[in-house]
Amino acid sequence: RMDISQFIVSKDMKGFTLGQQIKDKLGMRASPTAELVFENVHIPPENLVGSINKGGICMMRNLEIERVALAAMAIGIARRCVDEMVQYSKERKAFGKEIHNFGQIQKAITESYGEYMAGKTYLYTIANGLDLQSHGNGLDADGVKLYAASMAKNVADRAIQVMGGYGYVGE
């Protein structure tokens, strides 16, 4: 049993400040990350989210939603990698032919596209069935995030291979 309550703290509340901000981080750079400092912050009763001691359920539901969102990001990364592989393989020539004509390149693109489509289908199935009013979708949310993240990494690795030096460094 979790006796946890949730509440809203707005950035203009007295006693609330941002501490150290983490800048040059790996991963989701568009998401600001900082220490949250609470010094004698008064939280009015109307800032309670949900009911007293029911915050645990809300947190678990939010974790499930977050995991599905992270899976969606991984699916987007994989899609972009597939698109870039296809485009590059049609532009790049080796031995007088576009490299998309070579079996190894076709294999990398086909495997990547198949894995991407499987992940997309899995994601859409889980997202469509997600009950936003309750929790209990943990196994599905965990599973789709695990599959999509691993799949996106594999697709990105193949994209680096297909694109050679251009897959590794910018121009």
N, C-alpha and C. Protein backbone atom coordinates (compact mmCIF):
# COMPACT_ATOMS: atom_id res chain seq x y z
N ARG A 1 0.84 -1.18 0.00
CA ARG A 1 0.00 0.00 0.00
C ARG A 1 0.89 1.24 0.00
N MET A 2 0.54 2.19 -0.85
CA MET A 2 1.30 3.44 -0.92
C MET A 2 0.47 4.58 -0.37
N ASP A 3 0.94 5.16 0.72
CA ASP A 3 0.29 6.33 1.29
C ASP A 3 1.00 7.57 0.77
N ILE A 4 0.76 7.87 -0.48
CA ILE A 4 1.42 9.00 -1.16
C ILE A 4 0.33 9.89 -1.74
N SER A 5 0.52 11.18 -1.58
CA SER A 5 -0.40 12.14 -2.19
C SER A 5 0.38 12.99 -3.17
N GLN A 6 -0.31 13.47 -4.20
CA GLN A 6 0.31 14.34 -5.20
C GLN A 6 -0.31 15.72 -5.13
N PHE A 7 0.50 16.70 -5.48
CA PHE A 7 0.01 18.07 -5.47
C PHE A 7 0.76 18.87 -6.52
N ILE A 8 0.20 20.00 -6.87
CA ILE A 8 0.79 20.88 -7.88
C ILE A 8 1.58 21.98 -7.18
N VAL A 9 2.81 22.18 -7.66
CA VAL A 9 3.64 23.28 -7.20
C VAL A 9 3.93 24.12 -8.44
N SER A 10 3.48 25.36 -8.44
CA SER A 10 3.77 26.23 -9.58
C SER A 10 5.12 26.92 -9.38
N LYS A 11 5.74 27.28 -10.47
CA LYS A 11 7.10 27.83 -10.41
C LYS A 11 7.18 29.17 -9.68
N ASP A 12 6.05 29.84 -9.51
CA ASP A 12 6.08 31.14 -8.84
C ASP A 12 5.77 31.05 -7.33
N MET A 13 5.65 29.83 -6.79
CA MET A 13 5.35 29.68 -5.36
C MET A 13 6.58 30.03 -4.52
N LYS A 14 6.34 30.76 -3.44
CA LYS A 14 7.41 31.18 -2.55
C LYS A 14 8.11 29.95 -1.96
N GLY A 15 9.43 29.94 -2.05
CA GLY A 15 10.22 28.84 -1.52
C GLY A 15 10.61 27.79 -2.54
N PHE A 16 10.01 27.85 -3.71
CA PHE A 16 10.35 26.90 -4.77
C PHE A 16 11.32 27.55 -5.75
N THR A 17 12.42 26.88 -6.00
CA THR A 17 13.41 27.36 -6.97
C THR A 17 14.00 26.17 -7.73
N LEU A 18 14.61 26.51 -8.83
CA LEU A 18 15.37 25.51 -9.58
C LEU A 18 16.81 25.57 -9.10
N GLY A 19 17.37 24.42 -8.81
CA GLY A 19 18.76 24.34 -8.41
C GLY A 19 19.64 24.14 -9.63
N GLN A 20 20.62 23.30 -9.47
CA GLN A 20 21.58 23.04 -10.54
C GLN A 20 20.87 22.50 -11.78
N GLN A 21 21.16 23.10 -12.92
CA GLN A 21 20.60 22.61 -14.17
C GLN A 21 21.61 21.71 -14.85
N ILE A 22 21.15 20.60 -15.38
CA ILE A 22 22.02 19.66 -16.08
C ILE A 22 21.96 20.01 -17.55
N LYS A 23 23.08 20.37 -18.11
CA LYS A 23 23.13 20.86 -19.49
C LYS A 23 23.48 19.75 -20.48
N ASP A 24 24.69 19.57 -20.79
CA ASP A 24 25.16 18.72 -21.89
C ASP A 24 24.94 17.24 -21.59
N LYS A 25 23.67 16.81 -21.64
CA LYS A 25 23.34 15.44 -21.28
C LYS A 25 23.12 14.59 -22.52
N LEU A 26 23.23 13.31 -22.35
CA LEU A 26 22.99 12.36 -23.42
C LEU A 26 21.50 12.07 -23.49
N GLY A 27 20.96 12.00 -24.67
CA GLY A 27 19.56 11.62 -24.81
C GLY A 27 18.64 12.78 -25.06
N MET A 28 17.60 12.88 -24.29
CA MET A 28 16.52 13.84 -24.53
C MET A 28 16.94 15.26 -24.16
N ARG A 29 17.67 15.89 -25.05
CA ARG A 29 18.22 17.21 -24.77
C ARG A 29 17.16 18.30 -24.79
N ALA A 30 16.05 18.09 -25.43
CA ALA A 30 15.00 19.10 -25.49
C ALA A 30 14.23 19.18 -24.18
N SER A 31 14.42 18.22 -23.31
CA SER A 31 13.73 18.18 -22.03
C SER A 31 14.65 18.78 -20.95
N PRO A 32 14.29 19.93 -20.39
CA PRO A 32 15.16 20.52 -19.37
C PRO A 32 15.21 19.64 -18.12
N THR A 33 16.40 19.53 -17.55
CA THR A 33 16.58 18.72 -16.36
C THR A 33 17.27 19.58 -15.30
N ALA A 34 16.70 19.64 -14.11
CA ALA A 34 17.27 20.46 -13.05
C ALA A 34 16.87 19.91 -11.69
N GLU A 35 17.63 20.30 -10.69
CA GLU A 35 17.30 20.00 -9.31
C GLU A 35 16.12 20.90 -8.90
N LEU A 36 15.15 20.33 -8.21
CA LEU A 36 14.01 21.10 -7.70
C LEU A 36 14.25 21.34 -6.22
N VAL A 37 14.21 22.61 -5.80
CA VAL A 37 14.50 22.97 -4.41
C VAL A 37 13.21 23.49 -3.77
N PHE A 38 12.84 22.86 -2.66
CA PHE A 38 11.65 23.25 -1.90
C PHE A 38 12.09 23.69 -0.51
N GLU A 39 11.95 24.97 -0.21
CA GLU A 39 12.31 25.49 1.11
C GLU A 39 11.08 26.14 1.74
N ASN A 40 10.45 25.41 2.66
CA ASN A 40 9.26 25.91 3.36
C ASN A 40 8.16 26.36 2.40
N VAL A 41 7.91 25.55 1.39
CA VAL A 41 6.86 25.87 0.42
C VAL A 41 5.51 25.52 1.04
N HIS A 42 4.59 26.46 1.01
CA HIS A 42 3.23 26.22 1.52
C HIS A 42 2.38 25.75 0.33
N ILE A 43 1.77 24.58 0.48
CA ILE A 43 0.93 24.01 -0.57
C ILE A 43 -0.53 24.14 -0.12
N PRO A 44 -1.33 24.93 -0.83
CA PRO A 44 -2.73 25.06 -0.43
C PRO A 44 -3.52 23.78 -0.75
N PRO A 45 -4.58 23.50 0.00
CA PRO A 45 -5.36 22.27 -0.19
C PRO A 45 -5.89 22.08 -1.62
N GLU A 46 -6.20 23.20 -2.30
CA GLU A 46 -6.74 23.07 -3.66
C GLU A 46 -5.70 22.58 -4.67
N ASN A 47 -4.43 22.49 -4.27
CA ASN A 47 -3.38 21.99 -5.17
C ASN A 47 -3.21 20.47 -5.10
N LEU A 48 -4.02 19.82 -4.27
CA LEU A 48 -3.99 18.36 -4.19
C LEU A 48 -4.50 17.79 -5.51
N VAL A 49 -3.79 16.81 -6.03
CA VAL A 49 -4.22 16.12 -7.26
C VAL A 49 -4.87 14.81 -6.83
N GLY A 50 -6.13 14.64 -7.18
CA GLY A 50 -6.84 13.43 -6.78
C GLY A 50 -7.19 13.46 -5.31
N SER A 51 -7.11 12.31 -4.67
CA SER A 51 -7.48 12.19 -3.26
C SER A 51 -6.24 11.95 -2.41
N ILE A 52 -6.36 12.23 -1.12
CA ILE A 52 -5.27 11.98 -0.18
C ILE A 52 -4.97 10.48 -0.17
N ASN A 53 -3.69 10.17 -0.21
CA ASN A 53 -3.16 8.79 -0.19
C ASN A 53 -3.53 7.98 -1.44
N LYS A 54 -3.91 8.65 -2.51
CA LYS A 54 -4.20 7.95 -3.77
C LYS A 54 -3.20 8.33 -4.86
N GLY A 55 -2.11 8.96 -4.47
CA GLY A 55 -1.10 9.39 -5.43
C GLY A 55 -0.33 8.25 -6.06
N GLY A 56 -0.21 7.16 -5.35
CA GLY A 56 0.52 6.00 -5.88
C GLY A 56 -0.12 5.46 -7.14
N ILE A 57 -1.44 5.37 -7.13
CA ILE A 57 -2.17 4.89 -8.30
C ILE A 57 -1.96 5.83 -9.48
N CYS A 58 -2.02 7.11 -9.21
CA CYS A 58 -1.81 8.13 -10.25
C CYS A 58 -0.39 8.04 -10.80
N MET A 59 0.59 7.86 -9.92
CA MET A 59 1.98 7.75 -10.37
C MET A 59 2.18 6.51 -11.23
N MET A 60 1.61 5.40 -10.85
CA MET A 60 1.76 4.17 -11.64
C MET A 60 1.11 4.34 -13.02
N ARG A 61 -0.05 4.96 -13.06
CA ARG A 61 -0.71 5.23 -14.34
C ARG A 61 0.17 6.13 -15.20
N ASN A 62 0.73 7.17 -14.59
CA ASN A 62 1.59 8.09 -15.34
C ASN A 62 2.85 7.39 -15.86
N LEU A 63 3.40 6.46 -15.08
CA LEU A 63 4.55 5.70 -15.56
C LEU A 63 4.19 4.87 -16.79
N GLU A 64 3.00 4.28 -16.76
CA GLU A 64 2.55 3.49 -17.90
C GLU A 64 2.42 4.38 -19.14
N ILE A 65 1.83 5.55 -18.97
CA ILE A 65 1.67 6.48 -20.09
C ILE A 65 3.04 6.93 -20.60
N GLU A 66 3.95 7.22 -19.68
CA GLU A 66 5.30 7.65 -20.06
C GLU A 66 6.02 6.57 -20.85
N ARG A 67 5.88 5.34 -20.44
CA ARG A 67 6.54 4.24 -21.15
C ARG A 67 5.99 4.09 -22.57
N VAL A 68 4.71 4.26 -22.74
CA VAL A 68 4.13 4.20 -24.08
C VAL A 68 4.64 5.38 -24.92
N ALA A 69 4.75 6.56 -24.30
CA ALA A 69 5.29 7.73 -25.03
C ALA A 69 6.75 7.51 -25.43
N LEU A 70 7.53 6.91 -24.54
CA LEU A 70 8.93 6.62 -24.88
C LEU A 70 9.02 5.60 -26.02
N ALA A 71 8.11 4.64 -26.02
CA ALA A 71 8.07 3.68 -27.13
C ALA A 71 7.76 4.40 -28.43
N ALA A 72 6.84 5.37 -28.38
CA ALA A 72 6.50 6.14 -29.58
C ALA A 72 7.71 6.92 -30.09
N MET A 73 8.51 7.47 -29.18
CA MET A 73 9.72 8.17 -29.61
C MET A 73 10.67 7.22 -30.31
N ALA A 74 10.83 6.03 -29.77
CA ALA A 74 11.71 5.03 -30.38
C ALA A 74 11.20 4.63 -31.76
N ILE A 75 9.89 4.50 -31.90
CA ILE A 75 9.31 4.17 -33.21
C ILE A 75 9.61 5.30 -34.21
N GLY A 76 9.50 6.54 -33.77
CA GLY A 76 9.83 7.68 -34.64
C GLY A 76 11.29 7.68 -35.06
N ILE A 77 12.18 7.35 -34.13
CA ILE A 77 13.60 7.27 -34.45
C ILE A 77 13.84 6.19 -35.50
N ALA A 78 13.22 5.04 -35.31
CA ALA A 78 13.39 3.94 -36.26
C ALA A 78 12.88 4.34 -37.65
N ARG A 79 11.73 4.98 -37.69
CA ARG A 79 11.16 5.39 -38.98
C ARG A 79 12.10 6.34 -39.71
N ARG A 80 12.64 7.30 -38.98
CA ARG A 80 13.57 8.25 -39.61
C ARG A 80 14.81 7.53 -40.12
N CYS A 81 15.31 6.58 -39.36
CA CYS A 81 16.48 5.80 -39.80
C CYS A 81 16.19 5.03 -41.08
N VAL A 82 15.02 4.40 -41.14
CA VAL A 82 14.64 3.67 -42.36
C VAL A 82 14.55 4.63 -43.54
N ASP A 83 13.90 5.76 -43.35
CA ASP A 83 13.78 6.74 -44.43
C ASP A 83 15.15 7.21 -44.92
N GLU A 84 16.05 7.48 -43.98
CA GLU A 84 17.39 7.94 -44.35
C GLU A 84 18.17 6.84 -45.07
N MET A 85 18.03 5.60 -44.62
CA MET A 85 18.71 4.48 -45.29
C MET A 85 18.24 4.35 -46.73
N VAL A 86 16.93 4.39 -46.94
CA VAL A 86 16.37 4.24 -48.28
C VAL A 86 16.86 5.37 -49.19
N GLN A 87 16.76 6.59 -48.70
CA GLN A 87 17.18 7.73 -49.51
C GLN A 87 18.67 7.65 -49.85
N TYR A 88 19.49 7.40 -48.85
CA TYR A 88 20.94 7.33 -49.08
C TYR A 88 21.29 6.20 -50.04
N SER A 89 20.65 5.05 -49.87
CA SER A 89 20.99 3.90 -50.71
C SER A 89 20.61 4.11 -52.18
N LYS A 90 19.67 5.02 -52.44
CA LYS A 90 19.30 5.33 -53.82
C LYS A 90 20.22 6.39 -54.42
N GLU A 91 20.89 7.16 -53.57
CA GLU A 91 21.79 8.22 -54.05
C GLU A 91 23.23 7.75 -54.18
N ARG A 92 23.65 6.88 -53.28
CA ARG A 92 25.06 6.44 -53.21
C ARG A 92 25.31 5.34 -54.23
N LYS A 93 26.43 5.48 -54.93
CA LYS A 93 26.81 4.47 -55.92
C LYS A 93 28.14 3.84 -55.53
N ALA A 94 28.23 2.56 -55.82
CA ALA A 94 29.47 1.80 -55.63
C ALA A 94 29.56 0.80 -56.77
N PHE A 95 30.72 0.68 -57.35
CA PHE A 95 30.93 -0.23 -58.47
C PHE A 95 29.97 0.05 -59.62
N GLY A 96 29.64 1.33 -59.79
CA GLY A 96 28.78 1.75 -60.90
C GLY A 96 27.29 1.54 -60.69
N LYS A 97 26.86 1.09 -59.50
CA LYS A 97 25.44 0.85 -59.23
C LYS A 97 25.02 1.55 -57.94
N GLU A 98 23.75 1.92 -57.87
CA GLU A 98 23.20 2.43 -56.61
C GLU A 98 23.28 1.30 -55.59
N ILE A 99 23.66 1.66 -54.37
CA ILE A 99 23.90 0.59 -53.39
C ILE A 99 22.62 -0.12 -52.95
N HIS A 100 21.46 0.47 -53.23
CA HIS A 100 20.21 -0.24 -52.85
C HIS A 100 20.01 -1.50 -53.68
N ASN A 101 20.81 -1.68 -54.71
CA ASN A 101 20.75 -2.91 -55.53
C ASN A 101 21.54 -4.06 -54.91
N PHE A 102 22.34 -3.79 -53.91
CA PHE A 102 23.15 -4.84 -53.29
C PHE A 102 22.35 -5.57 -52.22
N GLY A 103 22.49 -6.89 -52.20
CA GLY A 103 21.73 -7.73 -51.27
C GLY A 103 21.90 -7.37 -49.81
N GLN A 104 23.10 -7.06 -49.40
CA GLN A 104 23.34 -6.74 -48.00
C GLN A 104 22.62 -5.45 -47.57
N ILE A 105 22.58 -4.49 -48.48
CA ILE A 105 21.87 -3.23 -48.20
C ILE A 105 20.37 -3.50 -48.16
N GLN A 106 19.87 -4.28 -49.11
CA GLN A 106 18.45 -4.62 -49.13
C GLN A 106 18.05 -5.35 -47.85
N LYS A 107 18.92 -6.26 -47.40
CA LYS A 107 18.66 -7.02 -46.17
C LYS A 107 18.56 -6.07 -44.97
N ALA A 108 19.50 -5.14 -44.85
CA ALA A 108 19.50 -4.20 -43.72
C ALA A 108 18.23 -3.34 -43.72
N ILE A 109 17.85 -2.85 -44.90
CA ILE A 109 16.66 -1.99 -44.99
C ILE A 109 15.40 -2.80 -44.73
N THR A 110 15.31 -3.99 -45.30
CA THR A 110 14.12 -4.82 -45.13
C THR A 110 13.94 -5.27 -43.68
N GLU A 111 15.02 -5.71 -43.05
CA GLU A 111 14.93 -6.11 -41.64
C GLU A 111 14.50 -4.92 -40.78
N SER A 112 15.08 -3.78 -41.07
CA SER A 112 14.76 -2.57 -40.30
C SER A 112 13.31 -2.17 -40.50
N TYR A 113 12.84 -2.20 -41.73
CA TYR A 113 11.45 -1.83 -41.99
C TYR A 113 10.48 -2.81 -41.34
N GLY A 114 10.78 -4.10 -41.43
CA GLY A 114 9.93 -5.11 -40.80
C GLY A 114 9.86 -4.95 -39.29
N GLU A 115 11.01 -4.71 -38.66
CA GLU A 115 11.03 -4.51 -37.21
C GLU A 115 10.30 -3.22 -36.83
N TYR A 116 10.50 -2.18 -37.64
CA TYR A 116 9.80 -0.90 -37.39
C TYR A 116 8.28 -1.11 -37.46
N MET A 117 7.81 -1.79 -38.50
CA MET A 117 6.36 -2.01 -38.65
C MET A 117 5.80 -2.87 -37.53
N ALA A 118 6.56 -3.87 -37.09
CA ALA A 118 6.12 -4.69 -35.95
C ALA A 118 6.01 -3.83 -34.69
N GLY A 119 7.00 -2.97 -34.47
CA GLY A 119 6.97 -2.09 -33.31
C GLY A 119 5.85 -1.09 -33.38
N LYS A 120 5.62 -0.54 -34.57
CA LYS A 120 4.53 0.44 -34.75
C LYS A 120 3.18 -0.22 -34.46
N THR A 121 2.99 -1.42 -34.97
CA THR A 121 1.74 -2.14 -34.74
C THR A 121 1.56 -2.46 -33.25
N TYR A 122 2.62 -2.91 -32.62
CA TYR A 122 2.60 -3.20 -31.18
C TYR A 122 2.24 -1.93 -30.41
N LEU A 123 2.90 -0.83 -30.73
CA LEU A 123 2.64 0.44 -30.06
C LEU A 123 1.19 0.87 -30.23
N TYR A 124 0.68 0.85 -31.45
CA TYR A 124 -0.69 1.29 -31.71
C TYR A 124 -1.69 0.41 -30.97
N THR A 125 -1.41 -0.88 -30.89
CA THR A 125 -2.30 -1.80 -30.18
C THR A 125 -2.35 -1.46 -28.69
N ILE A 126 -1.18 -1.25 -28.11
CA ILE A 126 -1.12 -0.94 -26.67
C ILE A 126 -1.71 0.45 -26.40
N ALA A 127 -1.34 1.44 -27.20
CA ALA A 127 -1.84 2.81 -26.98
C ALA A 127 -3.35 2.87 -27.13
N ASN A 128 -3.89 2.15 -28.09
CA ASN A 128 -5.33 2.14 -28.31
C ASN A 128 -6.09 1.51 -27.14
N GLY A 129 -5.48 0.54 -26.50
CA GLY A 129 -6.15 -0.16 -25.40
C GLY A 129 -5.83 0.41 -24.02
N LEU A 130 -4.99 1.44 -23.96
CA LEU A 130 -4.58 2.00 -22.67
C LEU A 130 -5.75 2.71 -22.01
N ASP A 131 -6.04 2.33 -20.78
CA ASP A 131 -7.09 2.97 -20.00
C ASP A 131 -6.46 4.09 -19.19
N LEU A 132 -6.69 5.33 -19.59
CA LEU A 132 -6.07 6.47 -18.93
C LEU A 132 -6.67 6.79 -17.58
N GLN A 133 -7.76 6.13 -17.22
CA GLN A 133 -8.42 6.40 -15.94
C GLN A 133 -8.00 5.42 -14.84
N SER A 134 -7.15 4.44 -15.19
CA SER A 134 -6.73 3.48 -14.18
C SER A 134 -5.30 3.04 -14.47
N HIS A 135 -4.78 2.22 -13.59
CA HIS A 135 -3.48 1.61 -13.86
C HIS A 135 -3.70 0.11 -13.97
N GLY A 136 -2.67 -0.61 -14.28
CA GLY A 136 -2.81 -2.05 -14.48
C GLY A 136 -2.41 -2.44 -15.89
N ASN A 137 -1.88 -1.47 -16.63
CA ASN A 137 -1.41 -1.71 -17.99
C ASN A 137 0.11 -1.86 -18.01
N GLY A 138 0.71 -2.09 -16.85
CA GLY A 138 2.16 -2.07 -16.71
C GLY A 138 2.90 -3.04 -17.60
N LEU A 139 2.44 -4.27 -17.67
CA LEU A 139 3.13 -5.27 -18.49
C LEU A 139 3.13 -4.87 -19.96
N ASP A 140 2.00 -4.40 -20.45
CA ASP A 140 1.92 -3.96 -21.85
C ASP A 140 2.80 -2.74 -22.08
N ALA A 141 2.75 -1.77 -21.20
CA ALA A 141 3.56 -0.56 -21.35
C ALA A 141 5.04 -0.88 -21.27
N ASP A 142 5.42 -1.73 -20.33
CA ASP A 142 6.82 -2.14 -20.21
C ASP A 142 7.28 -2.89 -21.46
N GLY A 143 6.44 -3.79 -21.92
CA GLY A 143 6.80 -4.60 -23.08
C GLY A 143 7.00 -3.80 -24.34
N VAL A 144 6.10 -2.87 -24.62
CA VAL A 144 6.23 -2.09 -25.85
C VAL A 144 7.43 -1.16 -25.77
N LYS A 145 7.71 -0.60 -24.60
CA LYS A 145 8.89 0.26 -24.45
C LYS A 145 10.16 -0.57 -24.64
N LEU A 146 10.22 -1.73 -24.03
CA LEU A 146 11.39 -2.59 -24.14
C LEU A 146 11.64 -2.99 -25.59
N TYR A 147 10.59 -3.43 -26.27
CA TYR A 147 10.75 -3.83 -27.67
C TYR A 147 11.16 -2.65 -28.54
N ALA A 148 10.44 -1.55 -28.42
CA ALA A 148 10.67 -0.40 -29.31
C ALA A 148 12.05 0.20 -29.12
N ALA A 149 12.51 0.32 -27.88
CA ALA A 149 13.83 0.90 -27.63
C ALA A 149 14.94 0.02 -28.21
N SER A 150 14.83 -1.26 -27.98
CA SER A 150 15.83 -2.20 -28.51
C SER A 150 15.79 -2.23 -30.03
N MET A 151 14.60 -2.25 -30.59
CA MET A 151 14.43 -2.26 -32.04
C MET A 151 15.01 -1.00 -32.66
N ALA A 152 14.74 0.16 -32.08
CA ALA A 152 15.23 1.43 -32.63
C ALA A 152 16.76 1.46 -32.61
N LYS A 153 17.37 0.94 -31.56
CA LYS A 153 18.83 0.87 -31.49
C LYS A 153 19.37 -0.01 -32.59
N ASN A 154 18.74 -1.15 -32.82
CA ASN A 154 19.19 -2.06 -33.88
C ASN A 154 19.04 -1.42 -35.25
N VAL A 155 17.93 -0.74 -35.48
CA VAL A 155 17.70 -0.07 -36.76
C VAL A 155 18.72 1.05 -36.96
N ALA A 156 18.99 1.81 -35.90
CA ALA A 156 19.99 2.88 -35.99
C ALA A 156 21.38 2.31 -36.29
N ASP A 157 21.71 1.19 -35.68
CA ASP A 157 23.00 0.54 -35.97
C ASP A 157 23.09 0.15 -37.45
N ARG A 158 22.00 -0.40 -37.98
CA ARG A 158 22.00 -0.77 -39.41
C ARG A 158 22.11 0.46 -40.29
N ALA A 159 21.45 1.54 -39.89
CA ALA A 159 21.52 2.78 -40.68
C ALA A 159 22.96 3.29 -40.74
N ILE A 160 23.65 3.21 -39.62
CA ILE A 160 25.06 3.61 -39.61
C ILE A 160 25.85 2.75 -40.59
N GLN A 161 25.58 1.47 -40.61
CA GLN A 161 26.29 0.57 -41.53
C GLN A 161 25.97 0.88 -42.99
N VAL A 162 24.70 1.08 -43.30
CA VAL A 162 24.29 1.37 -44.68
C VAL A 162 24.91 2.69 -45.15
N MET A 163 24.93 3.67 -44.28
CA MET A 163 25.40 5.00 -44.67
C MET A 163 26.90 5.17 -44.54
N GLY A 164 27.59 4.14 -44.07
CA GLY A 164 29.04 4.21 -43.99
C GLY A 164 29.49 5.39 -43.16
N GLY A 165 30.48 6.14 -43.66
CA GLY A 165 31.02 7.29 -42.95
C GLY A 165 29.98 8.35 -42.68
N TYR A 166 29.01 8.52 -43.59
CA TYR A 166 27.96 9.52 -43.38
C TYR A 166 27.02 9.13 -42.25
N GLY A 167 26.98 7.86 -41.92
CA GLY A 167 26.17 7.41 -40.79
C GLY A 167 26.83 7.67 -39.45
N TYR A 168 28.12 8.02 -39.51
CA TYR A 168 28.87 8.19 -38.28
C TYR A 168 29.21 9.63 -37.95
N VAL A 169 29.47 10.42 -38.97
CA VAL A 169 29.85 11.83 -38.76
C VAL A 169 29.01 12.73 -39.64
N GLY A 170 28.88 13.98 -39.22
CA GLY A 170 28.21 14.97 -40.05
C GLY A 170 29.16 15.50 -41.10
N GLU A 171 28.60 16.15 -42.11
CA GLU A 171 29.47 16.69 -43.17
C GLU A 171 30.21 17.89 -42.69
